[in-house]
Amino acid sequence: MSLSPGATIGILGGGQLGRMSALAAARLGFRCHIFTPENNSPASHVAFKTTIADYEDRDALCSFANESDVITYEFENIPIETAL
């Protein structure tokens, strides 16, 4: 799978690694959509869009997935139900 500039990368997690990933992606022409349960997360300050919701919020996760061309994880402590 290849992504063209302008595509949206969904990132589960809004910490420092998510911030660095979003900054690098933006330099390559991609938009990042952050999904985080935290208000004011580091990645949300540089992201194209941020969804603030709990990792178990299935409706919010479905909307997030529908708005992303590809999804990655910012850290390994995502609940397994969320990852599926």
PDB file of N, CA and C in Angstrom:
ATOM      1  N   MET A   1       0.845  -1.180   0.000  1.00  0.00           N
ATOM      2  CA  MET A   1       0.000   0.000   0.000  1.00  0.00           C
ATOM      3  C   MET A   1       0.887   1.238   0.000  1.00  0.00           C
ATOM      4  N   SER A   2       0.568   2.173  -0.835  1.00  0.00           N
ATOM      5  CA  SER A   2       1.297   3.435  -0.823  1.00  0.00           C
ATOM      6  C   SER A   2       0.308   4.572  -0.599  1.00  0.00           C
ATOM      7  N   LEU A   3       0.796   5.600   0.044  1.00  0.00           N
ATOM      8  CA  LEU A   3      -0.019   6.781   0.325  1.00  0.00           C
ATOM      9  C   LEU A   3       0.517   7.954  -0.480  1.00  0.00           C
ATOM     10  N   SER A   4      -0.375   8.741  -0.975  1.00  0.00           N
ATOM     11  CA  SER A   4       0.009   9.955  -1.685  1.00  0.00           C
ATOM     12  C   SER A   4      -0.057  11.135  -0.729  1.00  0.00           C
ATOM     13  N   PRO A   5       0.762  12.152  -0.952  1.00  0.00           N
ATOM     14  CA  PRO A   5       0.654  13.351  -0.127  1.00  0.00           C
ATOM     15  C   PRO A   5      -0.792  13.841  -0.104  1.00  0.00           C
ATOM     16  N   GLY A   6      -1.197  14.302   1.050  1.00  0.00           N
ATOM     17  CA  GLY A   6      -2.576  14.724   1.261  1.00  0.00           C
ATOM     18  C   GLY A   6      -3.399  13.668   1.967  1.00  0.00           C
ATOM     19  N   ALA A   7      -2.895  12.431   2.000  1.00  0.00           N
ATOM     20  CA  ALA A   7      -3.595  11.357   2.705  1.00  0.00           C
ATOM     21  C   ALA A   7      -3.553  11.623   4.207  1.00  0.00           C
ATOM     22  N   THR A   8      -4.490  11.020   4.913  1.00  0.00           N
ATOM     23  CA  THR A   8      -4.575  11.201   6.363  1.00  0.00           C
ATOM     24  C   THR A   8      -4.072   9.963   7.080  1.00  0.00           C
ATOM     25  N   ILE A   9      -3.098  10.168   7.956  1.00  0.00           N
ATOM     26  CA  ILE A   9      -2.554   9.110   8.798  1.00  0.00           C
ATOM     27  C   ILE A   9      -3.202   9.236  10.165  1.00  0.00           C
ATOM     28  N   GLY A  10      -3.898   8.205  10.597  1.00  0.00           N
ATOM     29  CA  GLY A  10      -4.484   8.183  11.929  1.00  0.00           C
ATOM     30  C   GLY A  10      -3.460   7.667  12.919  1.00  0.00           C
ATOM     31  N   ILE A  11      -3.310   8.347  14.027  1.00  0.00           N
ATOM     32  CA  ILE A  11      -2.363   7.930  15.059  1.00  0.00           C
ATOM     33  C   ILE A  11      -3.124   7.734  16.359  1.00  0.00           C
ATOM     34  N   LEU A  12      -3.107   6.497  16.867  1.00  0.00           N
ATOM     35  CA  LEU A  12      -3.717   6.206  18.168  1.00  0.00           C
ATOM     36  C   LEU A  12      -2.699   6.551  19.243  1.00  0.00           C
ATOM     37  N   GLY A  13      -2.961   7.600  19.980  1.00  0.00           N
ATOM     38  CA  GLY A  13      -2.058   8.087  21.013  1.00  0.00           C
ATOM     39  C   GLY A  13      -1.585   9.481  20.669  1.00  0.00           C
ATOM     40  N   GLY A  14      -1.481  10.329  21.685  1.00  0.00           N
ATOM     41  CA  GLY A  14      -1.155  11.722  21.430  1.00  0.00           C
ATOM     42  C   GLY A  14       0.062  12.242  22.160  1.00  0.00           C
ATOM     43  N   GLY A  15       0.984  11.353  22.519  1.00  0.00           N
ATOM     44  CA  GLY A  15       2.168  11.770  23.269  1.00  0.00           C
ATOM     45  C   GLY A  15       3.271  12.341  22.394  1.00  0.00           C
ATOM     46  N   GLN A  16       4.491  12.363  22.950  1.00  0.00           N
ATOM     47  CA  GLN A  16       5.637  12.945  22.250  1.00  0.00           C
ATOM     48  C   GLN A  16       5.983  12.203  20.962  1.00  0.00           C
ATOM     49  N   LEU A  17       5.888  10.870  20.969  1.00  0.00           N
ATOM     50  CA  LEU A  17       6.172  10.110  19.753  1.00  0.00           C
ATOM     51  C   LEU A  17       5.143  10.436  18.670  1.00  0.00           C
ATOM     52  N   GLY A  18       3.882  10.572  19.065  1.00  0.00           N
ATOM     53  CA  GLY A  18       2.847  10.975  18.115  1.00  0.00           C
ATOM     54  C   GLY A  18       3.121  12.357  17.552  1.00  0.00           C
ATOM     55  N   ARG A  19       3.588  13.254  18.398  1.00  0.00           N
ATOM     56  CA  ARG A  19       3.935  14.608  17.954  1.00  0.00           C
ATOM     57  C   ARG A  19       5.061  14.572  16.922  1.00  0.00           C
ATOM     58  N   MET A  20       6.125  13.816  17.241  1.00  0.00           N
ATOM     59  CA  MET A  20       7.251  13.724  16.307  1.00  0.00           C
ATOM     60  C   MET A  20       6.826  13.076  14.990  1.00  0.00           C
ATOM     61  N   SER A  21       5.983  12.064  15.075  1.00  0.00           N
ATOM     62  CA  SER A  21       5.487  11.397  13.861  1.00  0.00           C
ATOM     63  C   SER A  21       4.641  12.349  13.022  1.00  0.00           C
ATOM     64  N   ALA A  22       3.774  13.111  13.676  1.00  0.00           N
ATOM     65  CA  ALA A  22       2.912  14.059  12.964  1.00  0.00           C
ATOM     66  C   ALA A  22       3.735  15.159  12.291  1.00  0.00           C
ATOM     67  N   LEU A  23       4.763  15.636  12.963  1.00  0.00           N
ATOM     68  CA  LEU A  23       5.623  16.660  12.369  1.00  0.00           C
ATOM     69  C   LEU A  23       6.357  16.114  11.144  1.00  0.00           C
ATOM     70  N   ALA A  24       6.887  14.898  11.257  1.00  0.00           N
ATOM     71  CA  ALA A  24       7.592  14.283  10.127  1.00  0.00           C
ATOM     72  C   ALA A  24       6.629  14.035   8.967  1.00  0.00           C
ATOM     73  N   ALA A  25       5.436  13.566   9.273  1.00  0.00           N
ATOM     74  CA  ALA A  25       4.439  13.300   8.229  1.00  0.00           C
ATOM     75  C   ALA A  25       4.037  14.592   7.516  1.00  0.00           C
ATOM     76  N   ALA A  26       3.876  15.665   8.271  1.00  0.00           N
ATOM     77  CA  ALA A  26       3.492  16.951   7.676  1.00  0.00           C
ATOM     78  C   ALA A  26       4.560  17.440   6.699  1.00  0.00           C
ATOM     79  N   ARG A  27       5.825  17.232   7.037  1.00  0.00           N
ATOM     80  CA  ARG A  27       6.905  17.640   6.129  1.00  0.00           C
ATOM     81  C   ARG A  27       6.850  16.868   4.807  1.00  0.00           C
ATOM     82  N   LEU A  28       6.266  15.678   4.847  1.00  0.00           N
ATOM     83  CA  LEU A  28       6.138  14.858   3.636  1.00  0.00           C
ATOM     84  C   LEU A  28       4.806  15.076   2.920  1.00  0.00           C
ATOM     85  N   GLY A  29       3.988  15.986   3.459  1.00  0.00           N
ATOM     86  CA  GLY A  29       2.727  16.326   2.809  1.00  0.00           C
ATOM     87  C   GLY A  29       1.512  15.551   3.290  1.00  0.00           C
ATOM     88  N   PHE A  30       1.650  14.830   4.399  1.00  0.00           N
ATOM     89  CA  PHE A  30       0.529  14.067   4.939  1.00  0.00           C
ATOM     90  C   PHE A  30      -0.159  14.833   6.057  1.00  0.00           C
ATOM     91  N   ARG A  31      -1.424  14.522   6.261  1.00  0.00           N
ATOM     92  CA  ARG A  31      -2.185  15.070   7.386  1.00  0.00           C
ATOM     93  C   ARG A  31      -2.260  13.986   8.457  1.00  0.00           C
ATOM     94  N   CYS A  32      -2.241  14.382   9.713  1.00  0.00           N
ATOM     95  CA  CYS A  32      -2.364  13.417  10.804  1.00  0.00           C
ATOM     96  C   CYS A  32      -3.594  13.717  11.638  1.00  0.00           C
ATOM     97  N   HIS A  33      -4.300  12.660  11.941  1.00  0.00           N
ATOM     98  CA  HIS A  33      -5.480  12.714  12.801  1.00  0.00           C
ATOM     99  C   HIS A  33      -5.114  11.934  14.057  1.00  0.00           C
ATOM    100  N   ILE A  34      -5.095  12.615  15.181  1.00  0.00           N
ATOM    101  CA  ILE A  34      -4.706  12.020  16.460  1.00  0.00           C
ATOM    102  C   ILE A  34      -5.949  11.569  17.216  1.00  0.00           C
ATOM    103  N   PHE A  35      -5.886  10.379  17.780  1.00  0.00           N
ATOM    104  CA  PHE A  35      -6.944   9.875  18.660  1.00  0.00           C
ATOM    105  C   PHE A  35      -6.320   9.729  20.038  1.00  0.00           C
ATOM    106  N   THR A  36      -6.824  10.483  20.996  1.00  0.00           N
ATOM    107  CA  THR A  36      -6.251  10.474  22.338  1.00  0.00           C
ATOM    108  C   THR A  36      -7.332  10.739  23.373  1.00  0.00           C
ATOM    109  N   PRO A  37      -7.219  10.148  24.549  1.00  0.00           N
ATOM    110  CA  PRO A  37      -8.171  10.453  25.608  1.00  0.00           C
ATOM    111  C   PRO A  37      -7.817  11.733  26.375  1.00  0.00           C
ATOM    112  N   GLU A  38      -6.677  12.321  26.069  1.00  0.00           N
ATOM    113  CA  GLU A  38      -6.181  13.456  26.847  1.00  0.00           C
ATOM    114  C   GLU A  38      -6.448  14.798  26.164  1.00  0.00           C
ATOM    115  N   ASN A  39      -6.968  15.731  26.923  1.00  0.00           N
ATOM    116  CA  ASN A  39      -7.034  17.112  26.452  1.00  0.00           C
ATOM    117  C   ASN A  39      -5.615  17.652  26.419  1.00  0.00           C
ATOM    118  N   ASN A  40      -5.304  18.462  25.447  1.00  0.00           N
ATOM    119  CA  ASN A  40      -4.024  19.158  25.410  1.00  0.00           C
ATOM    120  C   ASN A  40      -2.829  18.213  25.275  1.00  0.00           C
ATOM    121  N   SER A  41      -2.968  17.137  24.526  1.00  0.00           N
ATOM    122  CA  SER A  41      -1.851  16.203  24.332  1.00  0.00           C
ATOM    123  C   SER A  41      -0.795  16.843  23.430  1.00  0.00           C
ATOM    124  N   PRO A  42       0.477  16.441  23.569  1.00  0.00           N
ATOM    125  CA  PRO A  42       1.530  17.036  22.744  1.00  0.00           C
ATOM    126  C   PRO A  42       1.259  16.940  21.240  1.00  0.00           C
ATOM    127  N   ALA A  43       0.781  15.791  20.774  1.00  0.00           N
ATOM    128  CA  ALA A  43       0.555  15.608  19.338  1.00  0.00           C
ATOM    129  C   ALA A  43      -0.597  16.462  18.822  1.00  0.00           C
ATOM    130  N   SER A  44      -1.560  16.739  19.669  1.00  0.00           N
ATOM    131  CA  SER A  44      -2.726  17.509  19.217  1.00  0.00           C
ATOM    132  C   SER A  44      -2.355  18.926  18.796  1.00  0.00           C
ATOM    133  N   HIS A  45      -1.248  19.432  19.293  1.00  0.00           N
ATOM    134  CA  HIS A  45      -0.822  20.794  18.961  1.00  0.00           C
ATOM    135  C   HIS A  45      -0.302  20.927  17.534  1.00  0.00           C
ATOM    136  N   VAL A  46       0.071  19.805  16.920  1.00  0.00           N
ATOM    137  CA  VAL A  46       0.645  19.867  15.572  1.00  0.00           C
ATOM    138  C   VAL A  46      -0.172  19.072  14.552  1.00  0.00           C
ATOM    139  N   ALA A  47      -1.253  18.458  14.983  1.00  0.00           N
ATOM    140  CA  ALA A  47      -2.045  17.585  14.111  1.00  0.00           C
ATOM    141  C   ALA A  47      -3.049  18.369  13.273  1.00  0.00           C
ATOM    142  N   PHE A  48      -3.398  17.803  12.140  1.00  0.00           N
ATOM    143  CA  PHE A  48      -4.455  18.328  11.285  1.00  0.00           C
ATOM    144  C   PHE A  48      -5.793  18.264  12.015  1.00  0.00           C
ATOM    145  N   LYS A  49      -6.022  17.162  12.728  1.00  0.00           N
ATOM    146  CA  LYS A  49      -7.270  16.965  13.461  1.00  0.00           C
ATOM    147  C   LYS A  49      -6.988  16.110  14.688  1.00  0.00           C
ATOM    148  N   THR A  50      -7.767  16.330  15.747  1.00  0.00           N
ATOM    149  CA  THR A  50      -7.655  15.526  16.960  1.00  0.00           C
ATOM    150  C   THR A  50      -9.033  15.085  17.405  1.00  0.00           C
ATOM    151  N   THR A  51      -9.153  13.813  17.731  1.00  0.00           N
ATOM    152  CA  THR A  51     -10.355  13.285  18.363  1.00  0.00           C
ATOM    153  C   THR A  51     -10.000  12.986  19.806  1.00  0.00           C
ATOM    154  N   ILE A  52     -10.741  13.580  20.732  1.00  0.00           N
ATOM    155  CA  ILE A  52     -10.522  13.325  22.153  1.00  0.00           C
ATOM    156  C   ILE A  52     -11.647  12.429  22.630  1.00  0.00           C
ATOM    157  N   ALA A  53     -11.293  11.182  22.905  1.00  0.00           N
ATOM    158  CA  ALA A  53     -12.270  10.189  23.352  1.00  0.00           C
ATOM    159  C   ALA A  53     -11.517   9.046  24.014  1.00  0.00           C
ATOM    160  N   ASP A  54     -12.242   8.251  24.774  1.00  0.00           N
ATOM    161  CA  ASP A  54     -11.657   7.100  25.441  1.00  0.00           C
ATOM    162  C   ASP A  54     -11.334   6.018  24.414  1.00  0.00           C
ATOM    163  N   TYR A  55     -10.302   5.249  24.661  1.00  0.00           N
ATOM    164  CA  TYR A  55      -9.914   4.183  23.740  1.00  0.00           C
ATOM    165  C   TYR A  55     -10.975   3.094  23.607  1.00  0.00           C
ATOM    166  N   GLU A  56     -11.930   3.036  24.503  1.00  0.00           N
ATOM    167  CA  GLU A  56     -13.016   2.061  24.414  1.00  0.00           C
ATOM    168  C   GLU A  56     -14.282   2.632  23.770  1.00  0.00           C
ATOM    169  N   ASP A  57     -14.247   3.868  23.321  1.00  0.00           N
ATOM    170  CA  ASP A  57     -15.410   4.516  22.698  1.00  0.00           C
ATOM    171  C   ASP A  57     -15.518   4.061  21.243  1.00  0.00           C
ATOM    172  N   ARG A  58     -16.312   3.035  21.007  1.00  0.00           N
ATOM    173  CA  ARG A  58     -16.396   2.409  19.682  1.00  0.00           C
ATOM    174  C   ARG A  58     -16.903   3.373  18.605  1.00  0.00           C
ATOM    175  N   ASP A  59     -17.871   4.216  18.944  1.00  0.00           N
ATOM    176  CA  ASP A  59     -18.386   5.170  17.957  1.00  0.00           C
ATOM    177  C   ASP A  59     -17.300   6.154  17.525  1.00  0.00           C
ATOM    178  N   ALA A  60     -16.564   6.680  18.505  1.00  0.00           N
ATOM    179  CA  ALA A  60     -15.483   7.619  18.187  1.00  0.00           C
ATOM    180  C   ALA A  60     -14.384   6.925  17.391  1.00  0.00           C
ATOM    181  N   LEU A  61     -14.069   5.675  17.750  1.00  0.00           N
ATOM    182  CA  LEU A  61     -13.052   4.919  17.020  1.00  0.00           C
ATOM    183  C   LEU A  61     -13.469   4.660  15.574  1.00  0.00           C
ATOM    184  N   CYS A  62     -14.739   4.336  15.371  1.00  0.00           N
ATOM    185  CA  CYS A  62     -15.232   4.098  14.005  1.00  0.00           C
ATOM    186  C   CYS A  62     -15.150   5.367  13.165  1.00  0.00           C
ATOM    187  N   SER A  63     -15.531   6.499  13.737  1.00  0.00           N
ATOM    188  CA  SER A  63     -15.426   7.776  13.013  1.00  0.00           C
ATOM    189  C   SER A  63     -13.971   8.087  12.677  1.00  0.00           C
ATOM    190  N   PHE A  64     -13.102   7.884  13.653  1.00  0.00           N
ATOM    191  CA  PHE A  64     -11.661   8.095  13.460  1.00  0.00           C
ATOM    192  C   PHE A  64     -11.141   7.221  12.316  1.00  0.00           C
ATOM    193  N   ALA A  65     -11.501   5.953  12.330  1.00  0.00           N
ATOM    194  CA  ALA A  65     -11.044   5.025  11.290  1.00  0.00           C
ATOM    195  C   ALA A  65     -11.570   5.431   9.916  1.00  0.00           C
ATOM    196  N   ASN A  66     -12.815   5.857   9.859  1.00  0.00           N
ATOM    197  CA  ASN A  66     -13.405   6.267   8.580  1.00  0.00           C
ATOM    198  C   ASN A  66     -12.749   7.521   8.004  1.00  0.00           C
ATOM    199  N   GLU A  67     -12.164   8.345   8.864  1.00  0.00           N
ATOM    200  CA  GLU A  67     -11.528   9.586   8.427  1.00  0.00           C
ATOM    201  C   GLU A  67     -10.031   9.423   8.173  1.00  0.00           C
ATOM    202  N   SER A  68      -9.508   8.211   8.361  1.00  0.00           N
ATOM    203  CA  SER A  68      -8.076   7.955   8.198  1.00  0.00           C
ATOM    204  C   SER A  68      -7.843   7.004   7.030  1.00  0.00           C
ATOM    205  N   ASP A  69      -6.788   7.257   6.276  1.00  0.00           N
ATOM    206  CA  ASP A  69      -6.428   6.359   5.180  1.00  0.00           C
ATOM    207  C   ASP A  69      -5.615   5.169   5.673  1.00  0.00           C
ATOM    208  N   VAL A  70      -4.894   5.355   6.744  1.00  0.00           N
ATOM    209  CA  VAL A  70      -4.107   4.303   7.383  1.00  0.00           C
ATOM    210  C   VAL A  70      -4.009   4.669   8.860  1.00  0.00           C
ATOM    211  N   ILE A  71      -3.870   3.672   9.724  1.00  0.00           N
ATOM    212  CA  ILE A  71      -3.801   3.928  11.170  1.00  0.00           C
ATOM    213  C   ILE A  71      -2.565   3.255  11.737  1.00  0.00           C
ATOM    214  N   THR A  72      -1.891   3.959  12.637  1.00  0.00           N
ATOM    215  CA  THR A  72      -0.737   3.412  13.333  1.00  0.00           C
ATOM    216  C   THR A  72      -0.887   3.695  14.824  1.00  0.00           C
ATOM    217  N   TYR A  73      -0.013   3.086  15.605  1.00  0.00           N
ATOM    218  CA  TYR A  73      -0.066   3.212  17.057  1.00  0.00           C
ATOM    219  C   TYR A  73       1.111   4.032  17.544  1.00  0.00           C
ATOM    220  N   GLU A  74       0.840   4.922  18.478  1.00  0.00           N
ATOM    221  CA  GLU A  74       1.895   5.754  19.039  1.00  0.00           C
ATOM    222  C   GLU A  74       2.610   5.035  20.178  1.00  0.00           C
ATOM    223  N   PHE A  75       1.936   4.125  20.821  1.00  0.00           N
ATOM    224  CA  PHE A  75       2.540   3.364  21.911  1.00  0.00           C
ATOM    225  C   PHE A  75       1.853   2.009  22.018  1.00  0.00           C
ATOM    226  N   GLU A  76       2.444   1.111  22.789  1.00  0.00           N
ATOM    227  CA  GLU A  76       1.989  -0.282  22.815  1.00  0.00           C
ATOM    228  C   GLU A  76       0.878  -0.578  23.814  1.00  0.00           C
ATOM    229  N   ASN A  77       0.444   0.362  24.587  1.00  0.00           N
ATOM    230  CA  ASN A  77      -0.562   0.090  25.617  1.00  0.00           C
ATOM    231  C   ASN A  77      -1.984   0.412  25.178  1.00  0.00           C
ATOM    232  N   ILE A  78      -2.270   0.225  23.910  1.00  0.00           N
ATOM    233  CA  ILE A  78      -3.623   0.391  23.385  1.00  0.00           C
ATOM    234  C   ILE A  78      -4.402  -0.877  23.730  1.00  0.00           C
ATOM    235  N   PRO A  79      -5.610  -0.766  24.266  1.00  0.00           N
ATOM    236  CA  PRO A  79      -6.404  -1.972  24.553  1.00  0.00           C
ATOM    237  C   PRO A  79      -6.591  -2.819  23.289  1.00  0.00           C
ATOM    238  N   ILE A  80      -6.535  -4.131  23.430  1.00  0.00           N
ATOM    239  CA  ILE A  80      -6.634  -5.029  22.280  1.00  0.00           C
ATOM    240  C   ILE A  80      -7.933  -4.822  21.513  1.00  0.00           C
ATOM    241  N   GLU A  81      -9.025  -4.525  22.202  1.00  0.00           N
ATOM    242  CA  GLU A  81     -10.304  -4.289  21.528  1.00  0.00           C
ATOM    243  C   GLU A  81     -10.225  -3.071  20.616  1.00  0.00           C
ATOM    244  N   THR A  82      -9.469  -2.086  21.022  1.00  0.00           N
ATOM    245  CA  THR A  82      -9.290  -0.879  20.215  1.00  0.00           C
ATOM    246  C   THR A  82      -8.481  -1.194  18.966  1.00  0.00           C
ATOM    247  N   ALA A  83      -7.479  -2.018  19.123  1.00  0.00           N
ATOM    248  CA  ALA A  83      -6.593  -2.354  18.007  1.00  0.00           C
ATOM    249  C   ALA A  83      -7.296  -3.165  16.931  1.00  0.00           C
ATOM    250  N   LEU A  84      -8.341  -3.867  17.309  1.00  0.00           N
ATOM    251  CA  LEU A  84      -9.043  -4.700  16.333  1.00  0.00           C
ATOM    252  C   LEU A  84     -10.035  -3.858  15.589  1.00  0.00           C
TER     253      LEU A  84
END
